[in-house]
Amino acid sequence: MAGKYGVTEYEAEELSQLVAGNVHLQKQVTIASGNLKRGTVLAMNSDGDYVQFNPFATDGTEVPRAILAEDVDATGGPARVQAYFVGKYRLKDLIWPDGITDAQKQSAILGLQDKGIIVE
């Protein structure tokens, strides 16, 4: 059924799949810092490294650019990992920052769509 954000929501209990389509493109990126989980929506900071998307920022990290493809612990310094840049992904498996509003989430989904990342 069509749910919030204009995407299909499944109500049955399912395991996290994240990738929802057959085609996806990923590449290696540098995570600046933090302990992030697979499915985290990413943005790029001014150094060209990736961080968790922050809709409250005004430094460029408010622009969603990719989805983290694997868990990473960069608390001790930058780490190289894979991120998705094109493809179809499940809304329920994306990880958003605390406090994000429905309007900010909808805007981020549309921003990802403009980059070739489809959220269902």
Foldseek 3Di string as FASTA:
>chain_A
DQDALRDDDDDDDDDADFADDDDWDKDKFKAFADWDAFQFFWWAAPVRHIYGQDCVDDGGSVQTAWTFHGTDHQHVGIDIGMTIGAHETEPVSHDHDPPDDSVSVSVNQVSSVVRHYHYD
